[in-house]
Amino acid sequence: MELRQLEYFVAVAEEGSFTKAAARMHIAQSGVSAQILQLERELGQRLFDRTRRSVQLTDVGTAVLSHARAALAAAAGARQVADEYRDVLRGHVSVGLAASSSFAFDLTDMLAKFHRDHPLVEISLLEAATDILIAGLLDGSHDAAVIAPPLDPPPELGLELVADEALVAAVRPDDPLAANDAVTLDDLAGRPLITFSPMIGTRSTIDAAFAAAGVEARIGIEASDPSVLAELAAGGLGVALVPEPYARARESTLRTLPIVGVELRGSLALAWNSARRPSPSARRLVEYARESLRSKYSRSD
């Protein structure tokens, strides 16, 4: 069985005519007929019912058609891969970015390096909520994304940790809580909290912790950028719940308090769809991102 035979078979099935299929394939009708007969002999079944006025698929032909199309699509994909690797990488990649991701992963530098090395690959970037980005990864709209991973990620998602930091309470030095060495969720009850917006995955972790402890969280201000949260706390607008490095970086204006009695962490991950076969350009993008992460961690060791 040859791909050429399958091409002729699909053409006849779609055109409903040997004559039209021959014109579409730019060969003589006798050539199409000969190849179809050869295919039928190899399969041991008639694929078409032929009359003077029409050509109709048999039941066997109908069943074979989807497999023929799949085989041709696979062959076309193989040719595309070979073509893209033959000279230079081409194509298009789509990257998703959860709000606040930039604090842990310098996506700009990674994409700039990728573009320098592969200038013919078009790049699109979308900032959105984690759930939207995950949906895009699952349906193929995005090739990769930096997200706050959900508590129960879909099995199709490949994940590589970008950041995992303890969340702390950050207050002005003159705040009544500043005299403590640490705080509990009960200590935060009734206090105006400055924390991530619901579109940030870490917020769901915070909400779940307060709910499990039976403590009502009084959310005063929401933002997506942890630097903004820390600055608002330094301005005396409430208690910021932020990744520890953001509070420690403002030691002159903030008091950093560990939160005890509960495990509260903020994490981000590079995500991709491991169940889908990526294009060469998308695969290379994920490789670049993972290489950037390895470099980041090796420098910090």
Protein backbone atom coordinates (compact mmCIF):
# COMPACT_ATOMS: atom_id res chain seq x y z
CA MET A 1 0.00 0.00 0.00
CA GLU A 2 1.42 3.35 -1.05
CA LEU A 3 0.59 6.88 0.02
CA ARG A 4 -0.15 7.71 -3.61
CA GLN A 5 -2.89 5.10 -3.67
CA LEU A 6 -4.41 6.58 -0.52
CA GLU A 7 -4.27 10.07 -2.02
CA TYR A 8 -6.17 8.88 -5.10
CA PHE A 9 -8.66 6.97 -2.96
CA VAL A 10 -9.42 10.05 -0.81
CA ALA A 11 -9.70 12.25 -3.92
CA VAL A 12 -12.25 9.92 -5.55
CA ALA A 13 -14.21 9.64 -2.30
CA GLU A 14 -14.36 13.41 -1.86
CA GLU A 15 -15.08 14.23 -5.50
CA GLY A 16 -17.50 11.35 -6.07
CA SER A 17 -15.96 10.88 -9.51
CA PHE A 18 -12.87 9.31 -11.04
CA THR A 19 -12.81 12.03 -13.69
CA LYS A 20 -12.90 14.88 -11.16
CA ALA A 21 -10.35 13.13 -8.96
CA ALA A 22 -7.99 12.77 -11.92
CA ALA A 23 -8.33 16.46 -12.70
CA ARG A 24 -7.66 17.34 -9.08
CA MET A 25 -4.55 15.16 -8.98
CA HIS A 26 -3.41 16.34 -12.46
CA ILE A 27 -3.09 12.84 -13.92
CA ALA A 28 -5.00 10.73 -16.43
CA GLN A 29 -8.20 9.05 -15.28
CA SER A 30 -6.76 5.67 -16.20
CA GLY A 31 -3.96 6.25 -13.70
CA VAL A 32 -6.40 6.90 -10.89
CA SER A 33 -8.50 3.85 -11.81
CA ALA A 34 -5.44 1.62 -11.95
CA GLN A 35 -4.22 2.70 -8.52
CA ILE A 36 -7.66 2.25 -6.93
CA LEU A 37 -7.94 -1.25 -8.42
CA GLN A 38 -4.49 -2.07 -7.05
CA LEU A 39 -5.50 -0.82 -3.60
CA GLU A 40 -8.69 -2.88 -3.65
CA ARG A 41 -6.71 -5.98 -4.60
CA GLU A 42 -4.31 -5.40 -1.71
CA LEU A 43 -7.16 -4.94 0.76
CA GLY A 44 -9.25 -7.74 -0.71
CA GLN A 45 -12.36 -5.55 -0.67
CA ARG A 46 -14.22 -3.25 -3.05
CA LEU A 47 -13.98 0.35 -1.90
CA PHE A 48 -16.41 1.85 -4.42
CA ASP A 49 -19.68 0.89 -6.06
CA ARG A 50 -19.33 2.13 -9.64
CA THR A 51 -22.13 2.94 -12.08
CA ARG A 52 -22.15 5.01 -15.23
CA ARG A 53 -23.61 7.94 -13.35
CA SER A 54 -22.02 7.79 -9.90
CA VAL A 55 -19.26 6.46 -7.69
CA GLN A 56 -20.26 5.63 -4.14
CA LEU A 57 -18.21 4.36 -1.23
CA THR A 58 -18.99 0.87 -0.05
CA ASP A 59 -19.33 0.23 3.68
CA VAL A 60 -15.72 -0.94 3.68
CA GLY A 61 -14.66 2.16 1.76
CA THR A 62 -16.38 4.40 4.29
CA ALA A 63 -14.57 2.64 7.13
CA VAL A 64 -11.20 2.87 5.36
CA LEU A 65 -11.57 6.56 4.50
CA SER A 66 -10.85 7.91 7.99
CA HIS A 67 -7.73 5.76 8.25
CA ALA A 68 -6.55 6.92 4.83
CA ARG A 69 -6.99 10.55 5.82
CA ALA A 70 -5.13 9.95 9.10
CA ALA A 71 -2.25 8.30 7.25
CA LEU A 72 -2.00 11.20 4.81
CA ALA A 73 -2.13 13.72 7.66
CA ALA A 74 0.65 11.90 9.48
CA ALA A 75 2.77 11.88 6.34
CA ALA A 76 2.17 15.61 5.86
CA GLY A 77 3.17 16.23 9.48
CA ALA A 78 6.37 14.28 9.00
CA ARG A 79 7.21 16.34 5.92
CA GLN A 80 6.52 19.56 7.82
CA VAL A 81 8.83 18.54 10.65
CA ALA A 82 11.58 17.66 8.20
CA ASP A 83 11.11 20.93 6.31
CA GLU A 84 11.27 23.00 9.49
CA TYR A 85 14.47 21.36 10.63
CA ARG A 86 16.11 21.32 7.21
CA ASP A 87 17.10 24.97 7.11
CA VAL A 88 15.77 27.14 9.92
CA LEU A 89 13.01 26.79 12.45
CA ARG A 90 9.75 28.41 11.34
CA GLY A 91 6.20 28.62 12.55
CA HIS A 92 4.31 30.26 15.39
CA VAL A 93 4.30 29.80 19.17
CA SER A 94 1.82 31.08 21.72
CA VAL A 95 2.89 31.68 25.31
CA GLY A 96 0.57 32.30 28.23
CA LEU A 97 1.57 34.27 31.30
CA ALA A 98 -0.28 34.33 34.58
CA ALA A 99 -0.38 37.74 36.18
CA SER A 100 2.54 38.17 38.62
CA SER A 101 4.57 35.40 36.93
CA SER A 102 7.32 37.82 36.01
CA PHE A 103 8.43 38.11 39.63
CA ALA A 104 9.87 34.59 39.51
CA PHE A 105 10.72 33.92 35.92
CA ASP A 106 12.27 36.38 33.48
CA LEU A 107 10.12 35.42 30.52
CA THR A 108 11.22 38.51 28.58
CA ASP A 109 14.86 37.46 28.54
CA MET A 110 13.97 33.90 27.57
CA LEU A 111 11.74 35.00 24.69
CA ALA A 112 14.34 37.52 23.51
CA LYS A 113 16.98 34.79 23.34
CA PHE A 114 14.56 32.46 21.56
CA HIS A 115 13.78 35.18 19.00
CA ARG A 116 17.47 35.91 18.38
CA ASP A 117 18.14 32.24 17.71
CA HIS A 118 14.95 31.60 15.72
CA PRO A 119 13.92 34.92 14.11
CA LEU A 120 11.45 33.29 11.69
CA VAL A 121 9.26 31.93 14.49
CA GLU A 122 6.39 34.28 15.33
CA ILE A 123 5.66 34.68 19.05
CA SER A 124 2.39 35.73 20.65
CA LEU A 125 2.04 36.42 24.38
CA LEU A 126 -1.16 36.48 26.42
CA GLU A 127 -1.52 37.47 30.07
CA ALA A 128 -4.58 35.88 31.64
CA ALA A 129 -5.92 34.03 34.65
CA THR A 130 -4.48 30.59 35.32
CA ASP A 131 -7.72 28.74 34.53
CA ILE A 132 -7.92 30.44 31.12
CA LEU A 133 -4.31 29.57 30.37
CA ILE A 134 -4.83 25.92 31.34
CA ALA A 135 -7.85 25.72 29.04
CA GLY A 136 -5.68 27.13 26.25
CA LEU A 137 -2.98 24.55 26.87
CA LEU A 138 -5.51 21.73 26.78
CA ASP A 139 -7.18 22.85 23.54
CA GLY A 140 -3.92 23.71 21.81
CA SER A 141 -4.35 27.50 21.81
CA HIS A 142 -1.14 27.92 23.81
CA ASP A 143 2.13 26.02 23.49
CA ALA A 144 3.42 26.89 26.96
CA ALA A 145 2.44 29.03 29.92
CA VAL A 146 3.74 30.17 33.28
CA ILE A 147 0.92 29.55 35.74
CA ALA A 148 0.10 29.24 39.42
CA PRO A 149 -0.53 25.47 39.37
CA PRO A 150 -3.96 24.36 40.61
CA LEU A 151 -4.27 22.00 43.54
CA ASP A 152 -5.44 19.21 41.21
CA PRO A 153 -3.85 19.80 37.78
CA PRO A 154 -5.19 17.93 34.73
CA PRO A 155 -3.11 14.82 33.97
CA GLU A 156 -2.28 16.14 30.49
CA LEU A 157 -0.28 19.04 31.91
CA GLY A 158 3.49 18.84 32.10
CA LEU A 159 4.72 21.05 34.96
CA GLU A 160 8.13 22.30 35.99
CA LEU A 161 8.45 24.43 39.07
CA VAL A 162 9.39 28.06 38.51
CA ALA A 163 9.14 29.29 42.09
CA ASP A 164 7.96 28.00 45.46
CA GLU A 165 8.12 30.47 48.31
CA ALA A 166 6.61 30.63 51.80
CA LEU A 167 3.91 33.26 52.20
CA VAL A 168 4.42 35.66 55.09
CA ALA A 169 2.53 38.50 56.73
CA ALA A 170 4.15 41.87 56.10
CA VAL A 171 3.26 44.97 58.16
CA ARG A 172 4.67 48.41 58.88
CA PRO A 173 7.06 48.52 61.85
CA ASP A 174 4.51 50.60 63.81
CA ASP A 175 1.69 48.07 63.28
CA PRO A 176 0.52 46.31 66.48
CA LEU A 177 1.42 42.94 64.94
CA ALA A 178 5.02 44.05 64.41
CA ALA A 179 5.85 43.23 68.04
CA ASN A 180 5.22 39.52 67.34
CA ASP A 181 7.82 37.03 66.14
CA ALA A 182 5.17 35.21 64.12
CA VAL A 183 1.41 35.24 63.54
CA THR A 184 -1.39 32.72 63.16
CA LEU A 185 -4.46 32.95 60.97
CA ASP A 186 -6.44 33.80 64.12
CA ASP A 187 -4.16 36.81 64.64
CA LEU A 188 -5.14 38.02 61.17
CA ALA A 189 -8.89 37.73 61.77
CA GLY A 190 -10.55 41.09 61.32
CA ARG A 191 -7.43 42.75 59.94
CA PRO A 192 -7.60 44.24 56.43
CA LEU A 193 -5.59 41.88 54.24
CA ILE A 194 -3.68 42.90 51.13
CA THR A 195 -3.30 39.91 48.89
CA PHE A 196 -3.53 38.42 45.43
CA SER A 197 -6.60 38.80 43.27
CA PRO A 198 -8.74 35.70 42.63
CA MET A 199 -7.19 35.32 39.16
CA ILE A 200 -3.89 34.32 40.83
CA GLY A 201 -3.69 30.63 41.76
CA THR A 202 -2.02 31.41 45.09
CA ARG A 203 -5.18 33.19 46.21
CA SER A 204 -7.11 29.93 46.19
CA THR A 205 -4.48 28.46 48.54
CA ILE A 206 -4.92 31.40 50.92
CA ASP A 207 -8.73 31.21 50.82
CA ALA A 208 -8.68 27.46 51.43
CA ALA A 209 -6.38 27.85 54.46
CA PHE A 210 -8.60 30.46 56.09
CA ALA A 211 -11.72 28.39 55.40
CA ALA A 212 -10.16 25.24 56.88
CA ALA A 213 -9.17 27.16 60.00
CA GLY A 214 -12.67 28.61 60.35
CA VAL A 215 -11.29 32.14 60.15
CA GLU A 216 -12.95 34.80 58.05
CA ALA A 217 -10.46 36.56 55.80
CA ARG A 218 -11.19 40.26 55.50
CA ILE A 219 -9.78 41.12 52.09
CA GLY A 220 -9.06 44.83 51.88
CA ILE A 221 -7.04 45.23 48.69
CA GLU A 222 -6.33 42.82 45.84
CA ALA A 223 -3.56 43.04 43.23
CA SER A 224 -1.73 40.68 40.91
CA ASP A 225 1.83 41.94 41.50
CA PRO A 226 3.48 40.96 44.82
CA SER A 227 5.68 44.07 44.67
CA VAL A 228 2.53 46.19 44.70
CA LEU A 229 1.15 44.22 47.66
CA ALA A 230 4.32 44.86 49.65
CA GLU A 231 4.32 48.57 48.82
CA LEU A 232 0.70 48.90 49.92
CA ALA A 233 1.52 47.27 53.25
CA ALA A 234 4.48 49.62 53.66
CA GLY A 235 2.01 52.45 53.16
CA GLY A 236 0.04 51.25 56.18
CA LEU A 237 -3.00 50.02 54.28
CA GLY A 238 -3.15 46.59 55.91
CA VAL A 239 -1.38 43.26 56.28
CA ALA A 240 0.14 41.94 53.08
CA LEU A 241 0.24 38.19 52.43
CA VAL A 242 3.15 37.90 50.01
CA PRO A 243 6.02 35.57 49.07
CA GLU A 244 8.76 36.03 51.67
CA PRO A 245 11.42 37.54 49.32
CA TYR A 246 9.16 40.54 48.63
CA ALA A 247 8.82 41.35 52.29
CA ARG A 248 12.50 40.75 53.08
CA ALA A 249 13.50 43.10 50.27
CA ARG A 250 11.81 45.96 52.18
CA GLU A 251 13.25 45.44 55.64
CA SER A 252 13.46 49.17 56.25
CA THR A 253 9.73 49.68 55.74
CA LEU A 254 8.20 46.29 56.52
CA ARG A 255 8.27 43.78 59.36
CA THR A 256 8.23 40.21 58.05
CA LEU A 257 6.23 37.74 60.15
CA PRO A 258 6.15 33.97 59.48
CA ILE A 259 2.65 32.48 59.50
CA VAL A 260 2.65 29.48 61.85
CA GLY A 261 0.19 26.65 62.27
CA VAL A 262 -0.46 26.33 58.54
CA GLU A 263 1.59 25.65 55.40
CA LEU A 264 1.08 28.60 53.08
CA ARG A 265 3.18 28.75 49.94
CA GLY A 266 3.02 30.56 46.64
CA SER A 267 4.20 28.64 43.61
CA LEU A 268 4.49 29.09 39.87
CA ALA A 269 5.22 26.51 37.21
CA LEU A 270 6.05 26.31 33.56
CA ALA A 271 3.24 24.29 31.98
CA TRP A 272 2.71 22.59 28.64
CA ASN A 273 0.41 19.92 27.25
CA SER A 274 2.35 16.66 27.41
CA ALA A 275 -0.49 14.76 25.70
CA ARG A 276 -0.32 16.75 22.47
CA ARG A 277 2.42 16.39 19.89
CA PRO A 278 4.01 19.86 19.69
CA SER A 279 5.30 21.52 16.55
CA PRO A 280 9.10 21.74 16.31
CA SER A 281 9.00 25.45 17.19
CA ALA A 282 6.75 24.83 20.21
CA ARG A 283 8.95 21.97 21.38
CA ARG A 284 12.03 24.16 21.10
CA LEU A 285 10.30 26.95 23.03
CA VAL A 286 9.58 24.61 25.94
CA GLU A 287 13.20 23.44 25.82
CA TYR A 288 14.37 27.08 26.02
CA ALA A 289 12.11 27.76 28.98
CA ARG A 290 13.30 24.68 30.85
CA GLU A 291 16.91 25.55 30.10
CA SER A 292 16.30 29.03 31.50
CA LEU A 293 14.90 27.51 34.67
CA ARG A 294 17.89 25.21 35.08
CA SER A 295 20.23 28.18 34.62
CA LYS A 296 18.27 30.19 37.17
CA TYR A 297 18.51 27.48 39.81
CA SER A 298 22.18 26.70 39.09
CA ARG A 299 23.06 30.38 39.62
CA SER A 300 21.19 30.44 42.90
CA ASP A 301 22.92 27.33 44.29
